Amino acid sequence: MNIFHFLLLALADTRQLQLLHFWLLLGIYLAALLGNGLISTAVACHHRLHSPMYFFLLNLALLDLGCISTTLPKAMANALWDTRDISYAGCAAQVFFLLLFFGAEYSILTIMSYDRYVAICKPLHYGTLMDSRACATMAAAAWASGVLYSLLHTASTFTMPLCQGNAVDQFFCEIAQLLKLSCPESDYYRETVIIYFSLCLIFGCFVFIVVSYVQIFRAVLRMPSEQGRHKAFSTCLPHLAVVSLFVSTAMVAYLKPPSVSSPSLDLVVSFLYSVVPPTLNPIIYSMRNQELRDAVRKMMPCSHFSRDKLLTCLHK
């Protein structure tokens, strides 16, 4: 069966609900753009933030921008124009870029755990192990791993013959839903091997993160200074929260029993792992990071005004 376009899942049946979904998605998208854009600009423009930790945070913000920009604009356009169509090439592009950003983001989160481990457990060697060249190499490796991971899955998925129609039960092109459209006699072995290989890599990175934080917490608890412990925890807890959010939403999406699967539940779960983390990550990182908050505040047009002039600034 030759398929030239796919039909994505309609978020609502009535025109009023479609427009409501459009405005909700637009608000979420703008919030994600604002949060990640502010972090990216702050890290790039302020010399105090030119350190390995913030360099990897910049990469994370860029990946979050790419991730949410892969899915939401098309969903918003479909809701606004009352359509479900997405071209074959557009669907393939969604799958490729979404997997690229997810794969690279998980790699960056793993590297960030190593950065915190070196900073806290091996502070005397931090300048050597995490110099600018090492950081650039690790970031490039993370992006390259995302590209390779995405190429494998995208090529494997879109070379399978499709016999079950072209209706995708999701608001974006998701591999799990696309595989449901493949022919019964398709070669699932190839995709199964890739999936298991990916799971091994994901589990390996997860173990690395857990072991790193076990060592980090042991080192922090041995610190004699309460101020030192507080500073160490303030740099680690946001990263740990982001990792937990990323891993938990992905586990709910891909490890839930098939018996509890339904179109509405799949829609909610996919929204959780593809939209929620990119939107919340900037908030999580800015909550406990005073340097980042100060840098963002300095970029605000009203930051240099005194309190007496604040109302005048807001009225302009």
C-alpha atoms as a PDB file:
ATOM      1  CA  MET A   1       0.000   0.000   0.000  1.00  0.00           C
ATOM      2  CA  ASN A   2       1.454   3.343  -1.089  1.00  0.00           C
ATOM      3  CA  ILE A   3       0.872   5.977   1.593  1.00  0.00           C
ATOM      4  CA  PHE A   4       1.581   9.627   0.848  1.00  0.00           C
ATOM      5  CA  HIS A   5       0.164  11.159   4.042  1.00  0.00           C
ATOM      6  CA  PHE A   6      -1.024  10.190   7.509  1.00  0.00           C
ATOM      7  CA  LEU A   7      -4.010  11.218   9.590  1.00  0.00           C
ATOM      8  CA  LEU A   8      -3.156  12.294  13.119  1.00  0.00           C
ATOM      9  CA  LEU A   9      -5.502  11.927  16.062  1.00  0.00           C
ATOM     10  CA  ALA A  10      -8.041  14.728  16.392  1.00  0.00           C
ATOM     11  CA  LEU A  11      -7.836  16.328  19.822  1.00  0.00           C
ATOM     12  CA  ALA A  12     -11.534  17.257  19.859  1.00  0.00           C
ATOM     13  CA  ASP A  13     -14.739  16.718  17.895  1.00  0.00           C
ATOM     14  CA  THR A  14     -16.303  20.161  18.155  1.00  0.00           C
ATOM     15  CA  ARG A  15     -14.958  23.428  16.777  1.00  0.00           C
ATOM     16  CA  GLN A  16     -15.093  25.147  20.163  1.00  0.00           C
ATOM     17  CA  LEU A  17     -12.971  22.451  21.812  1.00  0.00           C
ATOM     18  CA  GLN A  18     -10.523  22.504  18.921  1.00  0.00           C
ATOM     19  CA  LEU A  19      -9.968  26.222  19.384  1.00  0.00           C
ATOM     20  CA  LEU A  20      -9.678  25.740  23.153  1.00  0.00           C
ATOM     21  CA  HIS A  21      -6.988  23.099  22.590  1.00  0.00           C
ATOM     22  CA  PHE A  22      -5.206  25.447  20.193  1.00  0.00           C
ATOM     23  CA  TRP A  23      -5.000  28.227  22.782  1.00  0.00           C
ATOM     24  CA  LEU A  24      -3.927  25.816  25.534  1.00  0.00           C
ATOM     25  CA  LEU A  25      -1.170  24.335  23.367  1.00  0.00           C
ATOM     26  CA  LEU A  26      -0.099  27.804  22.268  1.00  0.00           C
ATOM     27  CA  GLY A  27       0.216  28.915  25.896  1.00  0.00           C
ATOM     28  CA  ILE A  28       2.282  25.846  26.788  1.00  0.00           C
ATOM     29  CA  TYR A  29       4.462  26.298  23.709  1.00  0.00           C
ATOM     30  CA  LEU A  30       5.119  29.970  24.415  1.00  0.00           C
ATOM     31  CA  ALA A  31       5.955  29.157  28.052  1.00  0.00           C
ATOM     32  CA  ALA A  32       8.461  26.524  26.926  1.00  0.00           C
ATOM     33  CA  LEU A  33       9.971  28.899  24.360  1.00  0.00           C
ATOM     34  CA  LEU A  34      10.251  31.672  26.942  1.00  0.00           C
ATOM     35  CA  GLY A  35      11.774  29.507  29.673  1.00  0.00           C
ATOM     36  CA  ASN A  36      14.304  27.692  27.532  1.00  0.00           C
ATOM     37  CA  GLY A  37      15.045  30.835  25.520  1.00  0.00           C
ATOM     38  CA  LEU A  38      15.823  32.816  28.679  1.00  0.00           C
ATOM     39  CA  ILE A  39      18.142  30.095  29.977  1.00  0.00           C
ATOM     40  CA  SER A  40      19.942  29.822  26.628  1.00  0.00           C
ATOM     41  CA  THR A  41      20.389  33.586  26.363  1.00  0.00           C
ATOM     42  CA  ALA A  42      21.490  33.956  29.982  1.00  0.00           C
ATOM     43  CA  VAL A  43      24.139  31.246  29.685  1.00  0.00           C
ATOM     44  CA  ALA A  44      25.400  32.568  26.356  1.00  0.00           C
ATOM     45  CA  CYS A  45      25.576  36.225  27.396  1.00  0.00           C
ATOM     46  CA  HIS A  46      26.817  36.155  30.992  1.00  0.00           C
ATOM     47  CA  HIS A  47      30.466  35.311  31.572  1.00  0.00           C
ATOM     48  CA  ARG A  48      29.763  34.135  35.121  1.00  0.00           C
ATOM     49  CA  LEU A  49      27.786  31.266  33.628  1.00  0.00           C
ATOM     50  CA  HIS A  50      30.549  30.154  31.251  1.00  0.00           C
ATOM     51  CA  SER A  51      31.277  26.947  33.143  1.00  0.00           C
ATOM     52  CA  PRO A  52      30.798  23.257  32.239  1.00  0.00           C
ATOM     53  CA  MET A  53      27.595  22.913  34.268  1.00  0.00           C
ATOM     54  CA  TYR A  54      25.913  25.821  32.477  1.00  0.00           C
ATOM     55  CA  PHE A  55      27.359  24.810  29.104  1.00  0.00           C
ATOM     56  CA  PHE A  56      25.545  21.478  29.376  1.00  0.00           C
ATOM     57  CA  LEU A  57      22.449  23.281  30.669  1.00  0.00           C
ATOM     58  CA  LEU A  58      22.539  25.399  27.494  1.00  0.00           C
ATOM     59  CA  ASN A  59      22.594  22.211  25.414  1.00  0.00           C
ATOM     60  CA  LEU A  60      19.693  20.833  27.452  1.00  0.00           C
ATOM     61  CA  ALA A  61      17.636  23.996  26.864  1.00  0.00           C
ATOM     62  CA  LEU A  62      18.301  23.845  23.105  1.00  0.00           C
ATOM     63  CA  LEU A  63      17.264  20.187  23.016  1.00  0.00           C
ATOM     64  CA  ASP A  64      14.065  20.991  24.922  1.00  0.00           C
ATOM     65  CA  LEU A  65      13.289  23.752  22.423  1.00  0.00           C
ATOM     66  CA  GLY A  66      13.791  21.332  19.555  1.00  0.00           C
ATOM     67  CA  CYS A  67      11.743  18.604  21.198  1.00  0.00           C
ATOM     68  CA  ILE A  68       8.647  20.672  21.862  1.00  0.00           C
ATOM     69  CA  SER A  69       8.932  22.441  18.485  1.00  0.00           C
ATOM     70  CA  THR A  70       8.786  19.067  16.745  1.00  0.00           C
ATOM     71  CA  THR A  71       5.325  18.141  17.998  1.00  0.00           C
ATOM     72  CA  LEU A  72       3.267  21.126  19.169  1.00  0.00           C
ATOM     73  CA  PRO A  73       3.301  23.439  16.095  1.00  0.00           C
ATOM     74  CA  LYS A  74       1.753  20.769  13.878  1.00  0.00           C
ATOM     75  CA  ALA A  75      -0.806  19.861  16.555  1.00  0.00           C
ATOM     76  CA  MET A  76      -1.716  23.544  16.934  1.00  0.00           C
ATOM     77  CA  ALA A  77      -2.045  23.993  13.163  1.00  0.00           C
ATOM     78  CA  ASN A  78      -4.317  20.961  12.892  1.00  0.00           C
ATOM     79  CA  ALA A  79      -6.507  22.206  15.734  1.00  0.00           C
ATOM     80  CA  LEU A  80      -6.702  25.715  14.279  1.00  0.00           C
ATOM     81  CA  TRP A  81      -7.447  24.664  10.696  1.00  0.00           C
ATOM     82  CA  ASP A  82      -9.615  21.647  11.607  1.00  0.00           C
ATOM     83  CA  THR A  83      -7.470  19.105   9.787  1.00  0.00           C
ATOM     84  CA  ARG A  84      -5.597  15.906  10.626  1.00  0.00           C
ATOM     85  CA  ASP A  85      -3.223  15.608   7.682  1.00  0.00           C
ATOM     86  CA  ILE A  86       0.539  15.291   7.874  1.00  0.00           C
ATOM     87  CA  SER A  87       2.635  14.395   4.848  1.00  0.00           C
ATOM     88  CA  TYR A  88       4.706  11.230   4.702  1.00  0.00           C
ATOM     89  CA  ALA A  89       7.912  13.282   4.710  1.00  0.00           C
ATOM     90  CA  GLY A  90       6.591  15.430   7.554  1.00  0.00           C
ATOM     91  CA  CYS A  91       5.798  12.339   9.601  1.00  0.00           C
ATOM     92  CA  ALA A  92       9.266  10.907   8.986  1.00  0.00           C
ATOM     93  CA  ALA A  93      10.798  14.262   9.965  1.00  0.00           C
ATOM     94  CA  GLN A  94       8.807  14.300  13.215  1.00  0.00           C
ATOM     95  CA  VAL A  95       9.996  10.824  14.137  1.00  0.00           C
ATOM     96  CA  PHE A  96      13.610  11.603  13.232  1.00  0.00           C
ATOM     97  CA  PHE A  97      13.910  14.899  15.098  1.00  0.00           C
ATOM     98  CA  LEU A  98      11.932  13.771  18.143  1.00  0.00           C
ATOM     99  CA  LEU A  99      14.160  10.717  18.604  1.00  0.00           C
ATOM    100  CA  LEU A 100      17.253  12.825  17.932  1.00  0.00           C
ATOM    101  CA  PHE A 101      16.357  15.333  20.636  1.00  0.00           C
ATOM    102  CA  PHE A 102      15.283  12.643  23.110  1.00  0.00           C
ATOM    103  CA  GLY A 103      18.422  10.579  22.564  1.00  0.00           C
ATOM    104  CA  ALA A 104      20.748  13.572  22.796  1.00  0.00           C
ATOM    105  CA  GLU A 105      18.936  14.910  25.870  1.00  0.00           C
ATOM    106  CA  TYR A 106      19.332  11.631  27.735  1.00  0.00           C
ATOM    107  CA  SER A 107      23.025  11.631  26.844  1.00  0.00           C
ATOM    108  CA  ILE A 108      23.401  15.224  28.055  1.00  0.00           C
ATOM    109  CA  LEU A 109      21.674  14.360  31.341  1.00  0.00           C
ATOM    110  CA  THR A 110      24.113  11.467  31.781  1.00  0.00           C
ATOM    111  CA  ILE A 111      27.065  13.771  31.097  1.00  0.00           C
ATOM    112  CA  MET A 112      25.690  16.321  33.568  1.00  0.00           C
ATOM    113  CA  SER A 113      25.673  13.661  36.286  1.00  0.00           C
ATOM    114  CA  TYR A 114      29.357  12.986  35.515  1.00  0.00           C
ATOM    115  CA  ASP A 115      30.049  16.715  35.690  1.00  0.00           C
ATOM    116  CA  ARG A 116      28.485  16.917  39.165  1.00  0.00           C
ATOM    117  CA  TYR A 117      30.376  13.797  40.245  1.00  0.00           C
ATOM    118  CA  VAL A 118      33.730  15.281  39.232  1.00  0.00           C
ATOM    119  CA  ALA A 119      32.889  18.690  40.764  1.00  0.00           C
ATOM    120  CA  ILE A 120      31.975  17.228  44.155  1.00  0.00           C
ATOM    121  CA  CYS A 121      34.020  14.026  44.436  1.00  0.00           C
ATOM    122  CA  LYS A 122      37.163  15.099  42.541  1.00  0.00           C
ATOM    123  CA  PRO A 123      37.254  18.907  42.863  1.00  0.00           C
ATOM    124  CA  LEU A 124      41.057  19.133  42.509  1.00  0.00           C
ATOM    125  CA  HIS A 125      40.896  17.439  39.096  1.00  0.00           C
ATOM    126  CA  TYR A 126      37.799  19.310  37.875  1.00  0.00           C
ATOM    127  CA  GLY A 127      39.699  21.849  35.772  1.00  0.00           C
ATOM    128  CA  THR A 128      41.607  19.067  34.011  1.00  0.00           C
ATOM    129  CA  LEU A 129      38.793  16.560  33.494  1.00  0.00           C
ATOM    130  CA  MET A 130      36.171  19.145  32.521  1.00  0.00           C
ATOM    131  CA  ASP A 131      38.146  21.638  30.449  1.00  0.00           C
ATOM    132  CA  SER A 132      36.556  23.373  27.454  1.00  0.00           C
ATOM    133  CA  ARG A 133      37.815  20.807  24.956  1.00  0.00           C
ATOM    134  CA  ALA A 134      36.498  17.862  26.996  1.00  0.00           C
ATOM    135  CA  CYS A 135      33.115  19.547  27.418  1.00  0.00           C
ATOM    136  CA  ALA A 136      32.817  20.305  23.708  1.00  0.00           C
ATOM    137  CA  THR A 137      33.775  16.713  22.860  1.00  0.00           C
ATOM    138  CA  MET A 138      31.204  15.251  25.254  1.00  0.00           C
ATOM    139  CA  ALA A 139      28.450  17.572  23.986  1.00  0.00           C
ATOM    140  CA  ALA A 140      29.276  16.696  20.373  1.00  0.00           C
ATOM    141  CA  ALA A 141      29.197  12.999  21.273  1.00  0.00           C
ATOM    142  CA  ALA A 142      25.764  13.449  22.873  1.00  0.00           C
ATOM    143  CA  TRP A 143      24.344  15.117  19.758  1.00  0.00           C
ATOM    144  CA  ALA A 144      25.973  12.509  17.503  1.00  0.00           C
ATOM    145  CA  SER A 145      24.529   9.664  19.577  1.00  0.00           C
ATOM    146  CA  GLY A 146      21.095  11.235  19.184  1.00  0.00           C
ATOM    147  CA  VAL A 147      21.533  11.403  15.411  1.00  0.00           C
ATOM    148  CA  LEU A 148      22.651   7.757  15.152  1.00  0.00           C
ATOM    149  CA  TYR A 149      19.889   6.555  17.479  1.00  0.00           C
ATOM    150  CA  SER A 150      17.309   8.468  15.460  1.00  0.00           C
ATOM    151  CA  LEU A 151      18.620   7.275  12.101  1.00  0.00           C
ATOM    152  CA  LEU A 152      18.423   3.625  13.159  1.00  0.00           C
ATOM    153  CA  HIS A 153      14.824   3.844  14.385  1.00  0.00           C
ATOM    154  CA  THR A 154      13.543   6.089  11.593  1.00  0.00           C
ATOM    155  CA  ALA A 155      15.085   4.019   8.806  1.00  0.00           C
ATOM    156  CA  SER A 156      13.819   0.780  10.354  1.00  0.00           C
ATOM    157  CA  THR A 157      10.286   2.116  10.855  1.00  0.00           C
ATOM    158  CA  PHE A 158       9.773   3.746   7.459  1.00  0.00           C
ATOM    159  CA  THR A 159      11.163   0.833   5.441  1.00  0.00           C
ATOM    160  CA  MET A 160       8.428  -1.469   6.763  1.00  0.00           C
ATOM    161  CA  PRO A 161       5.409  -1.934   4.454  1.00  0.00           C
ATOM    162  CA  LEU A 162       2.173  -0.473   5.817  1.00  0.00           C
ATOM    163  CA  CYS A 163      -1.091  -2.380   5.372  1.00  0.00           C
ATOM    164  CA  GLN A 164      -3.326  -1.127   8.193  1.00  0.00           C
ATOM    165  CA  GLY A 165      -4.306   2.249   6.778  1.00  0.00           C
ATOM    166  CA  ASN A 166      -2.798   5.651   7.524  1.00  0.00           C
ATOM    167  CA  ALA A 167      -4.612   6.757  10.710  1.00  0.00           C
ATOM    168  CA  VAL A 168      -2.134   7.375  13.547  1.00  0.00           C
ATOM    169  CA  ASP A 169      -3.776   7.269  17.004  1.00  0.00           C
ATOM    170  CA  GLN A 170      -1.617  10.073  18.348  1.00  0.00           C
ATOM    171  CA  PHE A 171      -1.310  13.857  17.978  1.00  0.00           C
ATOM    172  CA  PHE A 172       2.157  13.397  16.448  1.00  0.00           C
ATOM    173  CA  CYS A 173       3.917  10.615  14.556  1.00  0.00           C
ATOM    174  CA  GLU A 174       4.993   8.128  17.205  1.00  0.00           C
ATOM    175  CA  ILE A 175       6.907   4.950  16.377  1.00  0.00           C
ATOM    176  CA  ALA A 176       4.700   2.744  18.550  1.00  0.00           C
ATOM    177  CA  GLN A 177       1.593   3.886  16.661  1.00  0.00           C
ATOM    178  CA  LEU A 178       3.266   3.642  13.254  1.00  0.00           C
ATOM    179  CA  LEU A 179       4.298   0.036  13.917  1.00  0.00           C
ATOM    180  CA  LYS A 180       0.627  -0.807  14.455  1.00  0.00           C
ATOM    181  CA  LEU A 181       0.043   0.139  10.811  1.00  0.00           C
ATOM    182  CA  SER A 182       2.689  -2.243   9.440  1.00  0.00           C
ATOM    183  CA  CYS A 183       1.823  -5.449   7.619  1.00  0.00           C
ATOM    184  CA  PRO A 184       1.464  -8.620   9.720  1.00  0.00           C
ATOM    185  CA  GLU A 185       4.242 -10.316   7.761  1.00  0.00           C
ATOM    186  CA  SER A 186       6.651  -7.401   8.285  1.00  0.00           C
ATOM    187  CA  ASP A 187      10.110  -8.082   9.634  1.00  0.00           C
ATOM    188  CA  TYR A 188       9.663  -7.178  13.274  1.00  0.00           C
ATOM    189  CA  TYR A 189      12.966  -8.836  14.156  1.00  0.00           C
ATOM    190  CA  ARG A 190      15.027  -5.901  12.925  1.00  0.00           C
ATOM    191  CA  GLU A 191      13.041  -3.320  14.883  1.00  0.00           C
ATOM    192  CA  THR A 192      12.967  -5.597  17.944  1.00  0.00           C
ATOM    193  CA  VAL A 193      16.761  -5.868  17.906  1.00  0.00           C
ATOM    194  CA  ILE A 194      17.081  -2.071  17.667  1.00  0.00           C
ATOM    195  CA  ILE A 195      14.602  -1.588  20.517  1.00  0.00           C
ATOM    196  CA  TYR A 196      16.414  -4.024  22.809  1.00  0.00           C
ATOM    197  CA  PHE A 197      19.756  -2.461  21.923  1.00  0.00           C
ATOM    198  CA  SER A 198      18.316   0.964  22.760  1.00  0.00           C
ATOM    199  CA  LEU A 199      16.938  -0.311  26.061  1.00  0.00           C
ATOM    200  CA  CYS A 200      20.374  -1.666  26.993  1.00  0.00           C
ATOM    201  CA  LEU A 201      21.952   1.729  26.295  1.00  0.00           C
ATOM    202  CA  ILE A 202      19.221   3.549  28.216  1.00  0.00           C
ATOM    203  CA  PHE A 203      19.581   1.195  31.169  1.00  0.00           C
ATOM    204  CA  GLY A 204      23.367   1.585  31.085  1.00  0.00           C
ATOM    205  CA  CYS A 205      23.068   5.381  31.239  1.00  0.00           C
ATOM    206  CA  PHE A 206      20.531   5.095  34.047  1.00  0.00           C
ATOM    207  CA  VAL A 207      22.868   2.878  36.081  1.00  0.00           C
ATOM    208  CA  PHE A 208      25.705   5.355  35.475  1.00  0.00           C
ATOM    209  CA  ILE A 209      23.546   8.229  36.766  1.00  0.00           C
ATOM    210  CA  VAL A 210      22.480   6.265  39.857  1.00  0.00           C
ATOM    211  CA  VAL A 211      26.046   5.215  40.698  1.00  0.00           C
ATOM    212  CA  SER A 212      27.265   8.789  40.195  1.00  0.00           C
ATOM    213  CA  TYR A 213      24.680  10.153  42.609  1.00  0.00           C
ATOM    214  CA  VAL A 214      25.392   7.481  45.201  1.00  0.00           C
ATOM    215  CA  GLN A 215      29.008   8.657  45.189  1.00  0.00           C
ATOM    216  CA  ILE A 216      27.911  12.304  45.208  1.00  0.00           C
ATOM    217  CA  PHE A 217      25.608  11.912  48.205  1.00  0.00           C
ATOM    218  CA  ARG A 218      28.270   9.975  50.122  1.00  0.00           C
ATOM    219  CA  ALA A 219      30.758  12.794  49.498  1.00  0.00           C
ATOM    220  CA  VAL A 220      28.251  15.525  50.382  1.00  0.00           C
ATOM    221  CA  LEU A 221      27.221  13.890  53.649  1.00  0.00           C
ATOM    222  CA  ARG A 222      30.885  13.727  54.682  1.00  0.00           C
ATOM    223  CA  MET A 223      31.336  17.487  54.227  1.00  0.00           C
ATOM    224  CA  PRO A 224      31.951  19.187  57.596  1.00  0.00           C
ATOM    225  CA  SER A 225      30.436  22.509  56.518  1.00  0.00           C
ATOM    226  CA  GLU A 226      26.669  22.862  56.394  1.00  0.00           C
ATOM    227  CA  GLN A 227      27.049  25.695  53.890  1.00  0.00           C
ATOM    228  CA  GLY A 228      29.134  23.420  51.643  1.00  0.00           C
ATOM    229  CA  ARG A 229      26.513  20.696  51.818  1.00  0.00           C
ATOM    230  CA  HIS A 230      23.768  23.174  50.966  1.00  0.00           C
ATOM    231  CA  LYS A 231      25.710  24.513  47.973  1.00  0.00           C
ATOM    232  CA  ALA A 232      26.433  21.006  46.692  1.00  0.00           C
ATOM    233  CA  PHE A 233      22.797  19.949  47.025  1.00  0.00           C
ATOM    234  CA  SER A 234      21.599  23.141  45.317  1.00  0.00           C
ATOM    235  CA  THR A 235      23.590  22.238  42.178  1.00  0.00           C
ATOM    236  CA  CYS A 236      22.603  18.553  42.201  1.00  0.00           C
ATOM    237  CA  LEU A 237      18.920  18.522  43.113  1.00  0.00           C
ATOM    238  CA  PRO A 238      17.665  20.373  39.977  1.00  0.00           C
ATOM    239  CA  HIS A 239      19.530  17.925  37.735  1.00  0.00           C
ATOM    240  CA  LEU A 240      18.229  14.977  39.730  1.00  0.00           C
ATOM    241  CA  ALA A 241      14.672  16.332  39.468  1.00  0.00           C
ATOM    242  CA  VAL A 242      14.989  16.761  35.690  1.00  0.00           C
ATOM    243  CA  VAL A 243      16.373  13.227  35.298  1.00  0.00           C
ATOM    244  CA  SER A 244      13.544  11.825  37.433  1.00  0.00           C
ATOM    245  CA  LEU A 245      10.922  13.678  35.382  1.00  0.00           C
ATOM    246  CA  PHE A 246      12.457  12.539  32.081  1.00  0.00           C
ATOM    247  CA  VAL A 247      12.862   8.882  33.098  1.00  0.00           C
ATOM    248  CA  SER A 248       9.519   8.543  34.902  1.00  0.00           C
ATOM    249  CA  THR A 249       7.461   9.928  32.020  1.00  0.00           C
ATOM    250  CA  ALA A 250       9.321   7.739  29.512  1.00  0.00           C
ATOM    251  CA  MET A 251       8.813   4.643  31.692  1.00  0.00           C
ATOM    252  CA  VAL A 252       5.089   5.344  31.980  1.00  0.00           C
ATOM    253  CA  ALA A 253       4.897   5.709  28.200  1.00  0.00           C
ATOM    254  CA  TYR A 254       6.785   2.590  27.172  1.00  0.00           C
ATOM    255  CA  LEU A 255       6.545   0.179  30.119  1.00  0.00           C
ATOM    256  CA  LYS A 256       2.841   0.370  30.876  1.00  0.00           C
ATOM    257  CA  PRO A 257       0.986  -2.958  30.387  1.00  0.00           C
ATOM    258  CA  PRO A 258      -0.770  -3.318  27.010  1.00  0.00           C
ATOM    259  CA  SER A 259      -3.948  -4.317  28.847  1.00  0.00           C
ATOM    260  CA  VAL A 260      -4.386  -0.781  30.224  1.00  0.00           C
ATOM    261  CA  SER A 261      -3.720   0.896  26.896  1.00  0.00           C
ATOM    262  CA  SER A 262      -6.416   3.057  25.316  1.00  0.00           C
ATOM    263  CA  PRO A 263      -6.371   5.972  22.834  1.00  0.00           C
ATOM    264  CA  SER A 264      -7.166   8.544  25.528  1.00  0.00           C
ATOM    265  CA  LEU A 265      -4.574   7.136  27.961  1.00  0.00           C
ATOM    266  CA  ASP A 266      -1.938   6.937  25.220  1.00  0.00           C
ATOM    267  CA  LEU A 267      -2.658  10.573  24.363  1.00  0.00           C
ATOM    268  CA  VAL A 268      -2.198  11.691  27.974  1.00  0.00           C
ATOM    269  CA  VAL A 269       0.989   9.649  28.404  1.00  0.00           C
ATOM    270  CA  SER A 270       2.518  10.943  25.173  1.00  0.00           C
ATOM    271  CA  PHE A 271       1.716  14.488  26.271  1.00  0.00           C
ATOM    272  CA  LEU A 272       3.470  13.809  29.579  1.00  0.00           C
ATOM    273  CA  TYR A 273       6.759  12.677  28.081  1.00  0.00           C
ATOM    274  CA  SER A 274       6.903  14.935  25.002  1.00  0.00           C
ATOM    275  CA  VAL A 275       5.530  18.247  26.319  1.00  0.00           C
ATOM    276  CA  VAL A 276       5.774  18.374  30.122  1.00  0.00           C
ATOM    277  CA  PRO A 277       9.579  17.922  30.579  1.00  0.00           C
ATOM    278  CA  PRO A 278      10.612  20.612  28.049  1.00  0.00           C
ATOM    279  CA  THR A 279       8.175  23.033  29.695  1.00  0.00           C
ATOM    280  CA  LEU A 280       9.080  22.314  33.324  1.00  0.00           C
ATOM    281  CA  ASN A 281      12.854  21.895  33.001  1.00  0.00           C
ATOM    282  CA  PRO A 282      13.587  25.668  32.969  1.00  0.00           C
ATOM    283  CA  ILE A 283      11.397  26.146  36.039  1.00  0.00           C
ATOM    284  CA  ILE A 284      13.126  23.305  37.900  1.00  0.00           C
ATOM    285  CA  TYR A 285      16.591  24.649  37.163  1.00  0.00           C
ATOM    286  CA  SER A 286      15.788  28.247  38.021  1.00  0.00           C
ATOM    287  CA  MET A 287      14.076  27.445  41.338  1.00  0.00           C
ATOM    288  CA  ARG A 288      17.252  26.548  43.281  1.00  0.00           C
ATOM    289  CA  ASN A 289      19.927  28.285  41.204  1.00  0.00           C
ATOM    290  CA  GLN A 290      20.525  31.831  42.389  1.00  0.00           C
ATOM    291  CA  GLU A 291      23.188  32.590  39.758  1.00  0.00           C
ATOM    292  CA  LEU A 292      20.841  31.605  36.957  1.00  0.00           C
ATOM    293  CA  ARG A 293      17.968  33.612  38.424  1.00  0.00           C
ATOM    294  CA  ASP A 294      20.197  36.669  38.755  1.00  0.00           C
ATOM    295  CA  ALA A 295      21.390  36.347  35.160  1.00  0.00           C
ATOM    296  CA  VAL A 296      17.821  36.026  33.869  1.00  0.00           C
ATOM    297  CA  ARG A 297      16.698  38.964  36.001  1.00  0.00           C
ATOM    298  CA  LYS A 298      19.425  41.170  34.535  1.00  0.00           C
ATOM    299  CA  MET A 299      18.039  40.542  31.055  1.00  0.00           C
ATOM    300  CA  MET A 300      14.611  41.830  32.033  1.00  0.00           C
ATOM    301  CA  PRO A 301      13.926  45.375  30.803  1.00  0.00           C
ATOM    302  CA  CYS A 302      12.812  46.475  34.275  1.00  0.00           C
ATOM    303  CA  SER A 303      15.657  44.900  36.247  1.00  0.00           C
ATOM    304  CA  HIS A 304      17.668  48.119  36.580  1.00  0.00           C
ATOM    305  CA  PHE A 305      14.757  50.153  37.965  1.00  0.00           C
ATOM    306  CA  SER A 306      14.315  50.837  41.634  1.00  0.00           C
ATOM    307  CA  ARG A 307      11.270  49.635  43.518  1.00  0.00           C
ATOM    308  CA  ASP A 308       9.802  53.118  43.465  1.00  0.00           C
ATOM    309  CA  LYS A 309       9.837  53.107  39.672  1.00  0.00           C
ATOM    310  CA  LEU A 310       8.560  49.533  39.265  1.00  0.00           C
ATOM    311  CA  LEU A 311       4.934  50.497  38.726  1.00  0.00           C
ATOM    312  CA  THR A 312       5.930  53.059  36.124  1.00  0.00           C
ATOM    313  CA  CYS A 313       7.975  50.424  34.308  1.00  0.00           C
ATOM    314  CA  LEU A 314       5.085  47.937  34.335  1.00  0.00           C
ATOM    315  CA  HIS A 315       2.653  50.510  32.934  1.00  0.00           C
ATOM    316  CA  LYS A 316       4.848  51.228  29.904  1.00  0.00           C
END
